[in-house]
PDB file of N, CA and C in Angstrom:
ATOM      1  N   UNK A   1     -11.068  15.905  13.184  1.00  0.00           N
ATOM      2  CA  UNK A   1     -10.927  15.365  11.838  1.00  0.00           C
ATOM      3  C   UNK A   1     -11.931  14.221  11.675  1.00  0.00           C
ATOM      4  N   UNK A   2     -12.503  14.115  10.492  1.00  0.00           N
ATOM      5  CA  UNK A   2     -13.471  13.052  10.264  1.00  0.00           C
ATOM      6  C   UNK A   2     -12.761  11.699  10.138  1.00  0.00           C
ATOM      7  N   UNK A   3     -13.493  10.603  10.361  1.00  0.00           N
ATOM      8  CA  UNK A   3     -12.873   9.275  10.344  1.00  0.00           C
ATOM      9  C   UNK A   3     -12.183   8.935   9.021  1.00  0.00           C
ATOM     10  N   UNK A   4     -12.757   9.381   7.912  1.00  0.00           N
ATOM     11  CA  UNK A   4     -12.133   9.090   6.620  1.00  0.00           C
ATOM     12  C   UNK A   4     -10.776   9.785   6.502  1.00  0.00           C
ATOM     13  N   UNK A   5     -10.704  11.027   6.977  1.00  0.00           N
ATOM     14  CA  UNK A   5      -9.441  11.762   6.943  1.00  0.00           C
ATOM     15  C   UNK A   5      -8.379  11.106   7.807  1.00  0.00           C
ATOM     16  N   UNK A   6      -8.783  10.617   8.971  1.00  0.00           N
ATOM     17  CA  UNK A   6      -7.852   9.919   9.857  1.00  0.00           C
ATOM     18  C   UNK A   6      -7.338   8.659   9.173  1.00  0.00           C
ATOM     19  N   UNK A   7      -8.243   7.902   8.577  1.00  0.00           N
ATOM     20  CA  UNK A   7      -7.850   6.664   7.884  1.00  0.00           C
ATOM     21  C   UNK A   7      -6.853   6.963   6.770  1.00  0.00           C
ATOM     22  N   UNK A   8      -7.117   7.997   5.976  1.00  0.00           N
ATOM     23  CA  UNK A   8      -6.219   8.333   4.872  1.00  0.00           C
ATOM     24  C   UNK A   8      -4.846   8.776   5.370  1.00  0.00           C
ATOM     25  N   UNK A   9      -4.810   9.574   6.430  1.00  0.00           N
ATOM     26  CA  UNK A   9      -3.513   9.995   6.983  1.00  0.00           C
ATOM     27  C   UNK A   9      -2.719   8.805   7.507  1.00  0.00           C
ATOM     28  N   UNK A  10      -3.394   7.874   8.154  1.00  0.00           N
ATOM     29  CA  UNK A  10      -2.719   6.662   8.630  1.00  0.00           C
ATOM     30  C   UNK A  10      -2.209   5.832   7.458  1.00  0.00           C
ATOM     31  N   UNK A  11      -3.041   5.678   6.451  1.00  0.00           N
ATOM     32  CA  UNK A  11      -2.654   4.915   5.273  1.00  0.00           C
ATOM     33  C   UNK A  11      -1.446   5.545   4.587  1.00  0.00           C
ATOM     34  N   UNK A  12      -1.468   6.852   4.461  1.00  0.00           N
ATOM     35  CA  UNK A  12      -0.344   7.561   3.844  1.00  0.00           C
ATOM     36  C   UNK A  12       0.938   7.346   4.653  1.00  0.00           C
ATOM     37  N   UNK A  13       0.851   7.442   5.958  1.00  0.00           N
ATOM     38  CA  UNK A  13       2.030   7.234   6.807  1.00  0.00           C
ATOM     39  C   UNK A  13       2.580   5.817   6.640  1.00  0.00           C
ATOM     40  N   UNK A  14       1.706   4.839   6.570  1.00  0.00           N
ATOM     41  CA  UNK A  14       2.159   3.456   6.400  1.00  0.00           C
ATOM     42  C   UNK A  14       2.769   3.237   5.021  1.00  0.00           C
ATOM     43  N   UNK A  15       2.186   3.872   4.008  1.00  0.00           N
ATOM     44  CA  UNK A  15       2.724   3.707   2.660  1.00  0.00           C
ATOM     45  C   UNK A  15       4.045   4.444   2.470  1.00  0.00           C
ATOM     46  N   UNK A  16       4.314   5.432   3.290  1.00  0.00           N
ATOM     47  CA  UNK A  16       5.643   6.058   3.279  1.00  0.00           C
ATOM     48  C   UNK A  16       6.688   5.049   3.744  1.00  0.00           C
ATOM     49  N   UNK A  17       6.325   4.245   4.719  1.00  0.00           N
ATOM     50  CA  UNK A  17       7.221   3.179   5.177  1.00  0.00           C
ATOM     51  C   UNK A  17       7.413   2.147   4.072  1.00  0.00           C
ATOM     52  N   UNK A  18       6.330   1.794   3.389  1.00  0.00           N
ATOM     53  CA  UNK A  18       6.423   0.852   2.266  1.00  0.00           C
ATOM     54  C   UNK A  18       7.360   1.400   1.199  1.00  0.00           C
ATOM     55  N   UNK A  19       7.251   2.685   0.914  1.00  0.00           N
ATOM     56  CA  UNK A  19       8.130   3.281  -0.098  1.00  0.00           C
ATOM     57  C   UNK A  19       9.599   3.164   0.314  1.00  0.00           C
ATOM     58  N   UNK A  20       9.901   3.431   1.566  1.00  0.00           N
ATOM     59  CA  UNK A  20      11.292   3.279   2.030  1.00  0.00           C
ATOM     60  C   UNK A  20      11.759   1.841   1.869  1.00  0.00           C
ATOM     61  N   UNK A  21      10.900   0.893   2.197  1.00  0.00           N
ATOM     62  CA  UNK A  21      11.245  -0.517   2.040  1.00  0.00           C
ATOM     63  C   UNK A  21      11.457  -0.852   0.562  1.00  0.00           C
ATOM     64  N   UNK A  22      10.636  -0.263  -0.302  1.00  0.00           N
ATOM     65  CA  UNK A  22      10.764  -0.487  -1.737  1.00  0.00           C
ATOM     66  C   UNK A  22      12.109   0.027  -2.248  1.00  0.00           C
ATOM     67  N   UNK A  23      12.536   1.160  -1.747  1.00  0.00           N
ATOM     68  CA  UNK A  23      13.831   1.708  -2.150  1.00  0.00           C
ATOM     69  C   UNK A  23      14.985   0.833  -1.660  1.00  0.00           C
ATOM     70  N   UNK A  24      14.838   0.244  -0.485  1.00  0.00           N
ATOM     71  CA  UNK A  24      15.890  -0.573   0.108  1.00  0.00           C
ATOM     72  C   UNK A  24      15.939  -1.976  -0.480  1.00  0.00           C
ATOM     73  N   UNK A  25      14.775  -2.537  -0.755  1.00  0.00           N
ATOM     74  CA  UNK A  25      14.705  -3.930  -1.196  1.00  0.00           C
ATOM     75  C   UNK A  25      13.539  -4.130  -2.162  1.00  0.00           C
ATOM     76  N   UNK A  26      13.677  -3.596  -3.387  1.00  0.00           N
ATOM     77  CA  UNK A  26      12.541  -3.624  -4.322  1.00  0.00           C
ATOM     78  C   UNK A  26      12.018  -5.026  -4.620  1.00  0.00           C
ATOM     79  N   UNK A  27      12.906  -5.980  -4.798  1.00  0.00           N
ATOM     80  CA  UNK A  27      12.461  -7.336  -5.127  1.00  0.00           C
ATOM     81  C   UNK A  27      11.588  -7.934  -4.049  1.00  0.00           C
ATOM     82  N   UNK A  28      11.963  -7.736  -2.793  1.00  0.00           N
ATOM     83  CA  UNK A  28      11.182  -8.278  -1.681  1.00  0.00           C
ATOM     84  C   UNK A  28       9.807  -7.632  -1.595  1.00  0.00           C
ATOM     85  N   UNK A  29       9.750  -6.323  -1.775  1.00  0.00           N
ATOM     86  CA  UNK A  29       8.473  -5.615  -1.675  1.00  0.00           C
ATOM     87  C   UNK A  29       7.561  -5.996  -2.840  1.00  0.00           C
ATOM     88  N   UNK A  30       8.107  -6.072  -4.031  1.00  0.00           N
ATOM     89  CA  UNK A  30       7.314  -6.476  -5.200  1.00  0.00           C
ATOM     90  C   UNK A  30       6.775  -7.890  -4.996  1.00  0.00           C
ATOM     91  N   UNK A  31       7.625  -8.793  -4.573  1.00  0.00           N
ATOM     92  CA  UNK A  31       7.217 -10.179  -4.343  1.00  0.00           C
ATOM     93  C   UNK A  31       6.107 -10.242  -3.282  1.00  0.00           C
ATOM     94  N   UNK A  32       6.257  -9.483  -2.214  1.00  0.00           N
ATOM     95  CA  UNK A  32       5.259  -9.441  -1.145  1.00  0.00           C
ATOM     96  C   UNK A  32       3.904  -8.988  -1.699  1.00  0.00           C
ATOM     97  N   UNK A  33       3.902  -7.895  -2.452  1.00  0.00           N
ATOM     98  CA  UNK A  33       2.657  -7.380  -3.016  1.00  0.00           C
ATOM     99  C   UNK A  33       2.002  -8.357  -3.976  1.00  0.00           C
ATOM    100  N   UNK A  34       2.800  -8.945  -4.853  1.00  0.00           N
ATOM    101  CA  UNK A  34       2.246  -9.903  -5.824  1.00  0.00           C
ATOM    102  C   UNK A  34       1.702 -11.144  -5.130  1.00  0.00           C
ATOM    103  N   UNK A  35       2.393 -11.617  -4.102  1.00  0.00           N
ATOM    104  CA  UNK A  35       1.911 -12.794  -3.368  1.00  0.00           C
ATOM    105  C   UNK A  35       0.589 -12.503  -2.673  1.00  0.00           C
ATOM    106  N   UNK A  36       0.445 -11.307  -2.093  1.00  0.00           N
ATOM    107  CA  UNK A  36      -0.836 -10.947  -1.473  1.00  0.00           C
ATOM    108  C   UNK A  36      -1.944 -10.924  -2.516  1.00  0.00           C
ATOM    109  N   UNK A  37      -1.701 -10.306  -3.659  1.00  0.00           N
ATOM    110  CA  UNK A  37      -2.719 -10.254  -4.714  1.00  0.00           C
ATOM    111  C   UNK A  37      -3.117 -11.665  -5.158  1.00  0.00           C
ATOM    112  N   UNK A  38      -2.129 -12.522  -5.362  1.00  0.00           N
ATOM    113  CA  UNK A  38      -2.415 -13.896  -5.793  1.00  0.00           C
ATOM    114  C   UNK A  38      -3.226 -14.651  -4.736  1.00  0.00           C
ATOM    115  N   UNK A  39      -2.847 -14.497  -3.472  1.00  0.00           N
ATOM    116  CA  UNK A  39      -3.555 -15.186  -2.394  1.00  0.00           C
ATOM    117  C   UNK A  39      -5.004 -14.700  -2.308  1.00  0.00           C
ATOM    118  N   UNK A  40      -5.197 -13.380  -2.373  1.00  0.00           N
ATOM    119  CA  UNK A  40      -6.554 -12.844  -2.296  1.00  0.00           C
ATOM    120  C   UNK A  40      -7.419 -13.350  -3.444  1.00  0.00           C
ATOM    121  N   UNK A  41      -6.848 -13.407  -4.623  1.00  0.00           N
ATOM    122  CA  UNK A  41      -7.619 -13.905  -5.777  1.00  0.00           C
ATOM    123  C   UNK A  41      -7.970 -15.373  -5.599  1.00  0.00           C
ATOM    124  N   UNK A  42      -7.033 -16.173  -5.104  1.00  0.00           N
ATOM    125  CA  UNK A  42      -7.325 -17.597  -4.842  1.00  0.00           C
ATOM    126  C   UNK A  42      -8.450 -17.741  -3.828  1.00  0.00           C
ATOM    127  N   UNK A  43      -8.547 -16.811  -2.888  1.00  0.00           N
ATOM    128  CA  UNK A  43      -9.583 -16.836  -1.861  1.00  0.00           C
ATOM    129  C   UNK A  43     -10.909 -16.261  -2.367  1.00  0.00           C
ATOM    130  N   UNK A  44     -10.927 -15.832  -3.623  1.00  0.00           N
ATOM    131  CA  UNK A  44     -12.157 -15.304  -4.206  1.00  0.00           C
ATOM    132  C   UNK A  44     -12.358 -13.812  -4.014  1.00  0.00           C
ATOM    133  N   UNK A  45     -11.367 -13.147  -3.470  1.00  0.00           N
ATOM    134  CA  UNK A  45     -11.455 -11.695  -3.302  1.00  0.00           C
ATOM    135  C   UNK A  45     -11.063 -11.042  -4.615  1.00  0.00           C
ATOM    136  N   UNK A  46     -11.864 -10.113  -5.077  1.00  0.00           N
ATOM    137  CA  UNK A  46     -11.533  -9.418  -6.327  1.00  0.00           C
ATOM    138  C   UNK A  46     -11.868  -7.947  -6.189  1.00  0.00           C
ATOM    139  N   UNK A  47     -11.040  -7.153  -6.798  1.00  0.00           N
ATOM    140  CA  UNK A  47     -11.194  -5.707  -6.782  1.00  0.00           C
ATOM    141  C   UNK A  47     -10.616  -5.200  -8.103  1.00  0.00           C
ATOM    142  N   UNK A  48     -11.277  -4.244  -8.724  1.00  0.00           N
ATOM    143  CA  UNK A  48     -10.775  -3.706  -9.996  1.00  0.00           C
ATOM    144  C   UNK A  48      -9.339  -3.205  -9.866  1.00  0.00           C
ATOM    145  N   UNK A  49      -9.009  -2.652  -8.718  1.00  0.00           N
ATOM    146  CA  UNK A  49      -7.677  -2.082  -8.543  1.00  0.00           C
ATOM    147  C   UNK A  49      -6.581  -3.128  -8.396  1.00  0.00           C
ATOM    148  N   UNK A  50      -6.930  -4.383  -8.178  1.00  0.00           N
ATOM    149  CA  UNK A  50      -5.892  -5.423  -8.116  1.00  0.00           C
ATOM    150  C   UNK A  50      -5.108  -5.476  -9.426  1.00  0.00           C
ATOM    151  N   UNK A  51      -5.794  -5.312 -10.562  1.00  0.00           N
ATOM    152  CA  UNK A  51      -5.102  -5.313 -11.854  1.00  0.00           C
ATOM    153  C   UNK A  51      -4.159  -4.115 -11.964  1.00  0.00           C
ATOM    154  N   UNK A  52      -4.574  -2.972 -11.445  1.00  0.00           N
ATOM    155  CA  UNK A  52      -3.723  -1.783 -11.460  1.00  0.00           C
ATOM    156  C   UNK A  52      -2.478  -2.038 -10.613  1.00  0.00           C
ATOM    157  N   UNK A  53      -2.686  -2.582  -9.412  1.00  0.00           N
ATOM    158  CA  UNK A  53      -1.547  -2.886  -8.544  1.00  0.00           C
ATOM    159  C   UNK A  53      -0.596  -3.881  -9.205  1.00  0.00           C
ATOM    160  N   UNK A  54      -1.146  -4.919  -9.804  1.00  0.00           N
ATOM    161  CA  UNK A  54      -0.301  -5.921 -10.453  1.00  0.00           C
ATOM    162  C   UNK A  54       0.537  -5.285 -11.560  1.00  0.00           C
ATOM    163  N   UNK A  55      -0.072  -4.410 -12.334  1.00  0.00           N
ATOM    164  CA  UNK A  55       0.653  -3.707 -13.392  1.00  0.00           C
ATOM    165  C   UNK A  55       1.763  -2.833 -12.803  1.00  0.00           C
ATOM    166  N   UNK A  56       1.455  -2.112 -11.736  1.00  0.00           N
ATOM    167  CA  UNK A  56       2.467  -1.267 -11.094  1.00  0.00           C
ATOM    168  C   UNK A  56       3.625  -2.105 -10.554  1.00  0.00           C
ATOM    169  N   UNK A  57       3.304  -3.228  -9.967  1.00  0.00           N
ATOM    170  CA  UNK A  57       4.335  -4.073  -9.372  1.00  0.00           C
ATOM    171  C   UNK A  57       5.206  -4.769 -10.411  1.00  0.00           C
ATOM    172  N   UNK A  58       4.676  -4.984 -11.593  1.00  0.00           N
ATOM    173  CA  UNK A  58       5.452  -5.690 -12.608  1.00  0.00           C
ATOM    174  C   UNK A  58       6.050  -4.772 -13.669  1.00  0.00           C
ATOM    175  N   UNK A  59       5.505  -3.562 -13.802  1.00  0.00           N
ATOM    176  CA  UNK A  59       5.961  -2.704 -14.898  1.00  0.00           C
ATOM    177  C   UNK A  59       6.301  -1.274 -14.533  1.00  0.00           C
ATOM    178  N   UNK A  60       5.930  -0.835 -13.347  1.00  0.00           N
ATOM    179  CA  UNK A  60       6.042   0.596 -13.130  1.00  0.00           C
ATOM    180  C   UNK A  60       6.568   1.008 -11.781  1.00  0.00           C
ATOM    181  N   UNK A  61       7.749   0.553 -11.407  1.00  0.00           N
ATOM    182  CA  UNK A  61       8.239   0.877 -10.070  1.00  0.00           C
ATOM    183  C   UNK A  61       8.380   2.371  -9.839  1.00  0.00           C
ATOM    184  N   UNK A  62       8.747   3.140 -10.856  1.00  0.00           N
ATOM    185  CA  UNK A  62       8.827   4.592 -10.672  1.00  0.00           C
ATOM    186  C   UNK A  62       7.452   5.163 -10.349  1.00  0.00           C
ATOM    187  N   UNK A  63       6.460   4.744 -11.109  1.00  0.00           N
ATOM    188  CA  UNK A  63       5.087   5.212 -10.863  1.00  0.00           C
ATOM    189  C   UNK A  63       4.581   4.693  -9.521  1.00  0.00           C
ATOM    190  N   UNK A  64       4.929   3.459  -9.183  1.00  0.00           N
ATOM    191  CA  UNK A  64       4.529   2.893  -7.904  1.00  0.00           C
ATOM    192  C   UNK A  64       5.076   3.731  -6.754  1.00  0.00           C
ATOM    193  N   UNK A  65       6.337   4.091  -6.807  1.00  0.00           N
ATOM    194  CA  UNK A  65       6.933   4.895  -5.749  1.00  0.00           C
ATOM    195  C   UNK A  65       6.202   6.228  -5.589  1.00  0.00           C
ATOM    196  N   UNK A  66       5.830   6.828  -6.691  1.00  0.00           N
ATOM    197  CA  UNK A  66       5.100   8.092  -6.642  1.00  0.00           C
ATOM    198  C   UNK A  66       3.721   7.899  -6.016  1.00  0.00           C
ATOM    199  N   UNK A  67       3.002   6.878  -6.455  1.00  0.00           N
ATOM    200  CA  UNK A  67       1.632   6.664  -5.971  1.00  0.00           C
ATOM    201  C   UNK A  67       1.572   6.314  -4.486  1.00  0.00           C
ATOM    202  N   UNK A  68       2.629   5.727  -3.965  1.00  0.00           N
ATOM    203  CA  UNK A  68       2.618   5.362  -2.553  1.00  0.00           C
ATOM    204  C   UNK A  68       2.463   6.577  -1.647  1.00  0.00           C
ATOM    205  N   UNK A  69       2.927   7.743  -2.122  1.00  0.00           N
ATOM    206  CA  UNK A  69       2.880   8.948  -1.290  1.00  0.00           C
ATOM    207  C   UNK A  69       2.097  10.106  -1.906  1.00  0.00           C
ATOM    208  N   UNK A  70       1.529   9.896  -3.069  1.00  0.00           N
ATOM    209  CA  UNK A  70       0.819  10.961  -3.770  1.00  0.00           C
ATOM    210  C   UNK A  70      -0.502  11.280  -3.083  1.00  0.00           C
ATOM    211  N   UNK A  71      -0.992  12.503  -3.283  1.00  0.00           N
ATOM    212  CA  UNK A  71      -2.281  12.871  -2.714  1.00  0.00           C
ATOM    213  C   UNK A  71      -3.382  12.955  -3.771  1.00  0.00           C
ATOM    214  N   UNK A  72      -3.111  12.422  -4.961  1.00  0.00           N
ATOM    215  CA  UNK A  72      -4.123  12.423  -6.017  1.00  0.00           C
ATOM    216  C   UNK A  72      -5.272  11.480  -5.651  1.00  0.00           C
ATOM    217  N   UNK A  73      -6.409  11.684  -6.289  1.00  0.00           N
ATOM    218  CA  UNK A  73      -7.572  10.826  -6.052  1.00  0.00           C
ATOM    219  C   UNK A  73      -7.251   9.373  -6.387  1.00  0.00           C
ATOM    220  N   UNK A  74      -6.491   9.160  -7.456  1.00  0.00           N
ATOM    221  CA  UNK A  74      -6.114   7.791  -7.838  1.00  0.00           C
ATOM    222  C   UNK A  74      -5.271   7.137  -6.755  1.00  0.00           C
ATOM    223  N   UNK A  75      -4.293   7.852  -6.242  1.00  0.00           N
ATOM    224  CA  UNK A  75      -3.412   7.292  -5.215  1.00  0.00           C
ATOM    225  C   UNK A  75      -4.192   6.980  -3.938  1.00  0.00           C
ATOM    226  N   UNK A  76      -5.068   7.891  -3.547  1.00  0.00           N
ATOM    227  CA  UNK A  76      -5.894   7.662  -2.351  1.00  0.00           C
ATOM    228  C   UNK A  76      -6.740   6.412  -2.549  1.00  0.00           C
ATOM    229  N   UNK A  77      -7.355   6.278  -3.719  1.00  0.00           N
ATOM    230  CA  UNK A  77      -8.196   5.108  -4.011  1.00  0.00           C
ATOM    231  C   UNK A  77      -7.372   3.828  -3.988  1.00  0.00           C
ATOM    232  N   UNK A  78      -6.213   3.849  -4.626  1.00  0.00           N
ATOM    233  CA  UNK A  78      -5.388   2.645  -4.686  1.00  0.00           C
ATOM    234  C   UNK A  78      -4.915   2.210  -3.303  1.00  0.00           C
ATOM    235  N   UNK A  79      -4.548   3.146  -2.460  1.00  0.00           N
ATOM    236  CA  UNK A  79      -4.087   2.774  -1.123  1.00  0.00           C
ATOM    237  C   UNK A  79      -5.179   2.070  -0.317  1.00  0.00           C
ATOM    238  N   UNK A  80      -6.438   2.243  -0.701  1.00  0.00           N
ATOM    239  CA  UNK A  80      -7.533   1.566   0.002  1.00  0.00           C
ATOM    240  C   UNK A  80      -7.553   0.066  -0.303  1.00  0.00           C
ATOM    241  N   UNK A  81      -6.896  -0.350  -1.371  1.00  0.00           N
ATOM    242  CA  UNK A  81      -6.836  -1.780  -1.718  1.00  0.00           C
ATOM    243  C   UNK A  81      -5.381  -2.244  -1.833  1.00  0.00           C
ATOM    244  N   UNK A  82      -4.551  -1.697  -0.990  1.00  0.00           N
ATOM    245  CA  UNK A  82      -3.112  -1.941  -1.041  1.00  0.00           C
ATOM    246  C   UNK A  82      -2.738  -3.406  -0.831  1.00  0.00           C
ATOM    247  N   UNK A  83      -1.830  -3.922  -1.655  1.00  0.00           N
ATOM    248  CA  UNK A  83      -1.342  -5.290  -1.460  1.00  0.00           C
ATOM    249  C   UNK A  83      -0.216  -5.369  -0.429  1.00  0.00           C
ATOM    250  N   UNK A  84       0.019  -4.283   0.293  1.00  0.00           N
ATOM    251  CA  UNK A  84       1.124  -4.246   1.253  1.00  0.00           C
ATOM    252  C   UNK A  84       0.658  -4.422   2.692  1.00  0.00           C
ATOM    253  N   UNK A  85      -0.565  -4.884   2.858  1.00  0.00           N
ATOM    254  CA  UNK A  85      -1.096  -5.149   4.191  1.00  0.00           C
ATOM    255  C   UNK A  85      -0.165  -6.137   4.888  1.00  0.00           C
ATOM    256  N   UNK A  86       0.257  -5.776   6.089  1.00  0.00           N
ATOM    257  CA  UNK A  86       1.132  -6.655   6.857  1.00  0.00           C
ATOM    258  C   UNK A  86       2.615  -6.388   6.670  1.00  0.00           C
ATOM    259  N   UNK A  87       2.969  -5.541   5.718  1.00  0.00           N
ATOM    260  CA  UNK A  87       4.385  -5.258   5.450  1.00  0.00           C
ATOM    261  C   UNK A  87       4.991  -4.308   6.484  1.00  0.00           C
ATOM    262  N   UNK A  88       4.187  -3.405   7.001  1.00  0.00           N
ATOM    263  CA  UNK A  88       4.673  -2.467   8.021  1.00  0.00           C
ATOM    264  C   UNK A  88       4.721  -3.222   9.354  1.00  0.00           C
ATOM    265  N   UNK A  89       5.885  -3.256   9.997  1.00  0.00           N
ATOM    266  CA  UNK A  89       5.996  -3.975  11.272  1.00  0.00           C
ATOM    267  C   UNK A  89       4.983  -3.470  12.299  1.00  0.00           C
ATOM    268  N   UNK A  90       4.483  -4.384  13.110  1.00  0.00           N
ATOM    269  CA  UNK A  90       3.430  -4.070  14.072  1.00  0.00           C
ATOM    270  C   UNK A  90       3.761  -2.893  14.991  1.00  0.00           C
ATOM    271  N   UNK A  91       4.966  -2.797  15.544  1.00  0.00           N
ATOM    272  CA  UNK A  91       5.245  -1.636  16.402  1.00  0.00           C
ATOM    273  C   UNK A  91       5.105  -0.298  15.656  1.00  0.00           C
ATOM    274  N   UNK A  92       5.542  -0.258  14.397  1.00  0.00           N
ATOM    275  CA  UNK A  92       5.416   0.970  13.609  1.00  0.00           C
ATOM    276  C   UNK A  92       3.953   1.260  13.293  1.00  0.00           C
ATOM    277  N   UNK A  93       3.210   0.210  12.965  1.00  0.00           N
ATOM    278  CA  UNK A  93       1.787   0.374  12.658  1.00  0.00           C
ATOM    279  C   UNK A  93       1.040   0.916  13.880  1.00  0.00           C
ATOM    280  N   UNK A  94       1.322   0.346  15.043  1.00  0.00           N
ATOM    281  CA  UNK A  94       0.657   0.798  16.265  1.00  0.00           C
ATOM    282  C   UNK A  94       1.033   2.234  16.606  1.00  0.00           C
ATOM    283  N   UNK A  95       2.278   2.605  16.366  1.00  0.00           N
ATOM    284  CA  UNK A  95       2.709   3.983  16.627  1.00  0.00           C
ATOM    285  C   UNK A  95       1.959   4.958  15.720  1.00  0.00           C
ATOM    286  N   UNK A  96       1.782   4.579  14.463  1.00  0.00           N
ATOM    287  CA  UNK A  96       1.024   5.424  13.526  1.00  0.00           C
ATOM    288  C   UNK A  96      -0.420   5.549  13.995  1.00  0.00           C
ATOM    289  N   UNK A  97      -1.007   4.421  14.369  1.00  0.00           N
ATOM    290  CA  UNK A  97      -2.404   4.437  14.811  1.00  0.00           C
ATOM    291  C   UNK A  97      -2.584   5.348  16.023  1.00  0.00           C
ATOM    292  N   UNK A  98      -1.625   5.320  16.938  1.00  0.00           N
ATOM    293  CA  UNK A  98      -1.721   6.123  18.157  1.00  0.00           C
ATOM    294  C   UNK A  98      -1.457   7.604  17.896  1.00  0.00           C
ATOM    295  N   UNK A  99      -0.578   7.884  16.957  1.00  0.00           N
ATOM    296  CA  UNK A  99      -0.194   9.278  16.729  1.00  0.00           C
ATOM    297  C   UNK A  99      -1.160  10.045  15.826  1.00  0.00           C
ATOM    298  N   UNK A 100      -1.938   9.332  15.029  1.00  0.00           N
ATOM    299  CA  UNK A 100      -2.881   9.996  14.117  1.00  0.00           C
ATOM    300  C   UNK A 100      -4.289   9.617  14.560  1.00  0.00           C
ATOM    301  N   UNK A 101      -4.964  10.596  15.146  1.00  0.00           N
ATOM    302  CA  UNK A 101      -6.326  10.362  15.683  1.00  0.00           C
ATOM    303  C   UNK A 101      -7.284  11.391  15.168  1.00  0.00           C
TER     304      UNK A 101
END
């Protein structure tokens, strides 16, 4: 498998975990994502998709849940700038990295 395909499969696996967390504790996951976006912007990091993520986190939890696991081009693109970095516990992240090569 090419490196891009491996990266996308890993990202999808991690975002499946994010979706489960969102179902269990939506307020915490939304707050986590918004705080990451705010911190990145304060640090001067900007990406067009940050506005999309912010909109999803504040207005579209149903759509957000779908995009976390969707295979559409939009979902793949959005996961590349995910505000959920660090939300997946390290042991789970390492297991995903090891299992998808």
